Amino acid sequence: MELIKSIPGVGNKLAAAIVAELGDASQFKDAKQLVAYAGLDPGIYSSGKFTATSNQITKRGSKRLRRALYLAVQCGIRRHANRRISDYYDKKRKEGKPYKVVVIACANKLLHHIYAILSKSEPYKA
C-alpha cells in the first residue's frame, strides 16, 4: 500500500481501494491484462468489413477499481499534483478529446504506472 501511496494524488483511502481490488499484481502477465481486469480496455465493434470508429470501454472488470482510478486521476490532475498524468491530460485535451474520454485514458496510463510500481517494488518517481 505504501508503494501505491507514493503516487501523487493517491491517499490512504484510494490506495486501500486499489490494493484491495488488485490483490497480488504478479497474477497479471503484463499491464494490458491488468487494464482488461479493470475493464478499461476498448471494446472493438466489427462485423464483416465494418469497423466502428468510436469505441467505448468494456466495463467487464472491477467497478470499484475503475472508480478508484477515476478519482485518483481527478486528484492527480487537480492543481497538477501528478505531473506525468496532468501533462498527458493536457496533451489529450489539446487534441480535442472530451473530458471523460481523457480521464479514462489517464486512468489507463495510471494503471500502467501502478503495474510497473508493483512489479518492480519501487516507489513512484515523479
C-alpha atoms as a PDB file:
ATOM      1  CA  MET A   1       0.000   0.000   0.000  1.00  0.00           C
ATOM      2  CA  GLU A   2       2.925   2.357   0.669  1.00  0.00           C
ATOM      3  CA  LEU A   3       4.098   1.914  -2.935  1.00  0.00           C
ATOM      4  CA  ILE A   4       0.686   2.974  -4.250  1.00  0.00           C
ATOM      5  CA  LYS A   5       0.574   5.928  -1.829  1.00  0.00           C
ATOM      6  CA  SER A   6       3.835   7.197  -3.364  1.00  0.00           C
ATOM      7  CA  ILE A   7       1.793   8.268  -6.423  1.00  0.00           C
ATOM      8  CA  PRO A   8       0.847  11.959  -6.166  1.00  0.00           C
ATOM      9  CA  GLY A   9      -2.911  12.349  -5.752  1.00  0.00           C
ATOM     10  CA  VAL A  10      -3.404   8.921  -4.164  1.00  0.00           C
ATOM     11  CA  GLY A  11      -4.086   8.941  -0.433  1.00  0.00           C
ATOM     12  CA  ASN A  12      -4.876   6.299   2.162  1.00  0.00           C
ATOM     13  CA  LYS A  13      -8.433   5.503   1.032  1.00  0.00           C
ATOM     14  CA  LEU A  14      -7.696   5.331  -2.693  1.00  0.00           C
ATOM     15  CA  ALA A  15      -4.559   3.260  -2.117  1.00  0.00           C
ATOM     16  CA  ALA A  16      -6.507   0.857   0.083  1.00  0.00           C
ATOM     17  CA  ALA A  17      -9.258   0.540  -2.528  1.00  0.00           C
ATOM     18  CA  ILE A  18      -6.768  -0.076  -5.339  1.00  0.00           C
ATOM     19  CA  VAL A  19      -4.785  -2.661  -3.356  1.00  0.00           C
ATOM     20  CA  ALA A  20      -7.972  -4.413  -2.204  1.00  0.00           C
ATOM     21  CA  GLU A  21      -9.298  -4.707  -5.750  1.00  0.00           C
ATOM     22  CA  LEU A  22      -5.990  -5.700  -7.376  1.00  0.00           C
ATOM     23  CA  GLY A  23      -4.792  -8.241  -4.883  1.00  0.00           C
ATOM     24  CA  ASP A  24      -1.453  -9.690  -5.983  1.00  0.00           C
ATOM     25  CA  ALA A  25      -0.070  -7.917  -9.056  1.00  0.00           C
ATOM     26  CA  SER A  26       2.009 -10.953 -10.016  1.00  0.00           C
ATOM     27  CA  GLN A  27      -1.180 -12.722 -11.155  1.00  0.00           C
ATOM     28  CA  PHE A  28      -1.146 -10.490 -14.246  1.00  0.00           C
ATOM     29  CA  LYS A  29       1.269 -11.321 -17.058  1.00  0.00           C
ATOM     30  CA  ASP A  30       1.520  -7.710 -18.229  1.00  0.00           C
ATOM     31  CA  ALA A  31      -0.105  -4.295 -17.813  1.00  0.00           C
ATOM     32  CA  LYS A  32      -2.620  -4.979 -20.603  1.00  0.00           C
ATOM     33  CA  GLN A  33      -4.093  -7.843 -18.601  1.00  0.00           C
ATOM     34  CA  LEU A  34      -4.438  -5.525 -15.626  1.00  0.00           C
ATOM     35  CA  VAL A  35      -6.191  -2.938 -17.803  1.00  0.00           C
ATOM     36  CA  ALA A  36      -8.593  -5.621 -19.050  1.00  0.00           C
ATOM     37  CA  TYR A  37      -9.197  -6.744 -15.450  1.00  0.00           C
ATOM     38  CA  ALA A  38     -10.190  -3.175 -14.598  1.00  0.00           C
ATOM     39  CA  GLY A  39     -12.486  -3.004 -17.636  1.00  0.00           C
ATOM     40  CA  LEU A  40     -10.653  -0.007 -19.113  1.00  0.00           C
ATOM     41  CA  ASP A  41      -9.782  -1.726 -22.381  1.00  0.00           C
ATOM     42  CA  PRO A  42     -11.606  -0.506 -25.507  1.00  0.00           C
ATOM     43  CA  GLY A  43     -14.334  -2.677 -26.939  1.00  0.00           C
ATOM     44  CA  ILE A  44     -13.812  -3.251 -30.663  1.00  0.00           C
ATOM     45  CA  TYR A  45     -17.001  -3.493 -32.675  1.00  0.00           C
ATOM     46  CA  SER A  46     -16.648  -5.019 -36.134  1.00  0.00           C
ATOM     47  CA  SER A  47     -18.733  -7.111 -38.479  1.00  0.00           C
ATOM     48  CA  GLY A  48     -17.589  -8.154 -41.919  1.00  0.00           C
ATOM     49  CA  LYS A  49     -15.914  -5.133 -43.488  1.00  0.00           C
ATOM     50  CA  PHE A  50     -17.393  -2.702 -40.937  1.00  0.00           C
ATOM     51  CA  THR A  51     -15.281  -1.480 -38.043  1.00  0.00           C
ATOM     52  CA  ALA A  52     -16.749   1.092 -35.642  1.00  0.00           C
ATOM     53  CA  THR A  53     -14.836   4.352 -35.258  1.00  0.00           C
ATOM     54  CA  SER A  54     -16.000   5.282 -31.753  1.00  0.00           C
ATOM     55  CA  ASN A  55     -15.249   2.604 -29.182  1.00  0.00           C
ATOM     56  CA  GLN A  56     -16.244   2.505 -25.534  1.00  0.00           C
ATOM     57  CA  ILE A  57     -14.503   0.773 -22.662  1.00  0.00           C
ATOM     58  CA  THR A  58     -15.694  -2.772 -21.991  1.00  0.00           C
ATOM     59  CA  LYS A  59     -16.585  -2.279 -18.280  1.00  0.00           C
ATOM     60  CA  ARG A  60     -16.200  -6.039 -17.805  1.00  0.00           C
ATOM     61  CA  GLY A  61     -13.889  -5.706 -14.841  1.00  0.00           C
ATOM     62  CA  SER A  62     -13.998  -4.345 -11.345  1.00  0.00           C
ATOM     63  CA  LYS A  63     -16.325  -1.369 -10.954  1.00  0.00           C
ATOM     64  CA  ARG A  64     -14.663  -0.349  -7.687  1.00  0.00           C
ATOM     65  CA  LEU A  65     -11.193  -0.370  -9.256  1.00  0.00           C
ATOM     66  CA  ARG A  66     -12.388   1.801 -12.170  1.00  0.00           C
ATOM     67  CA  ARG A  67     -13.955   4.253  -9.720  1.00  0.00           C
ATOM     68  CA  ALA A  68     -10.803   4.427  -7.577  1.00  0.00           C
ATOM     69  CA  LEU A  69      -8.639   5.032 -10.652  1.00  0.00           C
ATOM     70  CA  TYR A  70     -11.040   7.699 -11.937  1.00  0.00           C
ATOM     71  CA  LEU A  71     -10.844   9.527  -8.601  1.00  0.00           C
ATOM     72  CA  ALA A  72      -7.062   9.127  -8.452  1.00  0.00           C
ATOM     73  CA  VAL A  73      -6.734  10.710 -11.899  1.00  0.00           C
ATOM     74  CA  GLN A  74      -9.004  13.594 -10.927  1.00  0.00           C
ATOM     75  CA  CYS A  75      -6.923  14.200  -7.792  1.00  0.00           C
ATOM     76  CA  GLY A  76      -3.728  13.950  -9.832  1.00  0.00           C
ATOM     77  CA  ILE A  77      -4.745  16.478 -12.483  1.00  0.00           C
ATOM     78  CA  ARG A  78      -6.178  18.916  -9.955  1.00  0.00           C
ATOM     79  CA  ARG A  79      -3.533  21.558  -9.317  1.00  0.00           C
ATOM     80  CA  HIS A  80      -1.103  19.414 -11.350  1.00  0.00           C
ATOM     81  CA  ALA A  81      -0.335  17.174  -8.355  1.00  0.00           C
ATOM     82  CA  ASN A  82       0.805  14.330 -10.636  1.00  0.00           C
ATOM     83  CA  ARG A  83       2.960  15.931 -13.332  1.00  0.00           C
ATOM     84  CA  ARG A  84       3.022  12.937 -15.723  1.00  0.00           C
ATOM     85  CA  ILE A  85      -0.730  12.412 -15.668  1.00  0.00           C
ATOM     86  CA  SER A  86      -1.558  16.119 -15.897  1.00  0.00           C
ATOM     87  CA  ASP A  87       0.812  16.573 -18.871  1.00  0.00           C
ATOM     88  CA  TYR A  88      -0.843  13.612 -20.606  1.00  0.00           C
ATOM     89  CA  TYR A  89      -4.253  15.091 -19.757  1.00  0.00           C
ATOM     90  CA  ASP A  90      -3.283  18.475 -21.259  1.00  0.00           C
ATOM     91  CA  LYS A  91      -1.921  16.793 -24.398  1.00  0.00           C
ATOM     92  CA  LYS A  92      -5.133  14.827 -24.985  1.00  0.00           C
ATOM     93  CA  ARG A  93      -7.351  17.861 -24.311  1.00  0.00           C
ATOM     94  CA  LYS A  94      -5.381  19.857 -26.888  1.00  0.00           C
ATOM     95  CA  GLU A  95      -6.120  17.056 -29.371  1.00  0.00           C
ATOM     96  CA  GLY A  96      -9.805  17.879 -28.868  1.00  0.00           C
ATOM     97  CA  LYS A  97     -10.857  14.865 -26.810  1.00  0.00           C
ATOM     98  CA  PRO A  98     -13.824  15.197 -24.404  1.00  0.00           C
ATOM     99  CA  TYR A  99     -13.169  15.370 -20.650  1.00  0.00           C
ATOM    100  CA  LYS A 100     -14.335  11.881 -19.678  1.00  0.00           C
ATOM    101  CA  VAL A 101     -12.529  10.237 -22.594  1.00  0.00           C
ATOM    102  CA  VAL A 102      -9.309  11.905 -21.499  1.00  0.00           C
ATOM    103  CA  VAL A 103      -9.781  10.976 -17.835  1.00  0.00           C
ATOM    104  CA  ILE A 104     -10.308   7.309 -18.788  1.00  0.00           C
ATOM    105  CA  ALA A 105      -7.176   7.444 -20.972  1.00  0.00           C
ATOM    106  CA  CYS A 106      -5.295   8.890 -17.979  1.00  0.00           C
ATOM    107  CA  ALA A 107      -6.697   6.125 -15.749  1.00  0.00           C
ATOM    108  CA  ASN A 108      -5.363   3.596 -18.252  1.00  0.00           C
ATOM    109  CA  LYS A 109      -1.932   5.239 -18.103  1.00  0.00           C
ATOM    110  CA  LEU A 110      -2.067   5.389 -14.294  1.00  0.00           C
ATOM    111  CA  LEU A 111      -2.852   1.679 -14.192  1.00  0.00           C
ATOM    112  CA  HIS A 112       0.249   1.026 -16.321  1.00  0.00           C
ATOM    113  CA  HIS A 113       2.268   3.058 -13.786  1.00  0.00           C
ATOM    114  CA  ILE A 114       0.744   1.077 -10.909  1.00  0.00           C
ATOM    115  CA  TYR A 115       1.650  -2.210 -12.584  1.00  0.00           C
ATOM    116  CA  ALA A 116       5.250  -1.036 -13.046  1.00  0.00           C
ATOM    117  CA  ILE A 117       5.453   0.122  -9.430  1.00  0.00           C
ATOM    118  CA  LEU A 118       4.134  -3.157  -8.050  1.00  0.00           C
ATOM    119  CA  SER A 119       6.151  -5.420 -10.348  1.00  0.00           C
ATOM    120  CA  LYS A 120       9.440  -3.589  -9.636  1.00  0.00           C
ATOM    121  CA  SER A 121       8.630  -2.914  -5.946  1.00  0.00           C
ATOM    122  CA  GLU A 122       9.905   0.651  -6.292  1.00  0.00           C
ATOM    123  CA  PRO A 123       8.052   3.863  -5.337  1.00  0.00           C
ATOM    124  CA  TYR A 124       6.665   6.237  -7.960  1.00  0.00           C
ATOM    125  CA  LYS A 125       9.219   8.597  -9.479  1.00  0.00           C
ATOM    126  CA  ALA A 126       7.833  11.985 -10.479  1.00  0.00           C
END
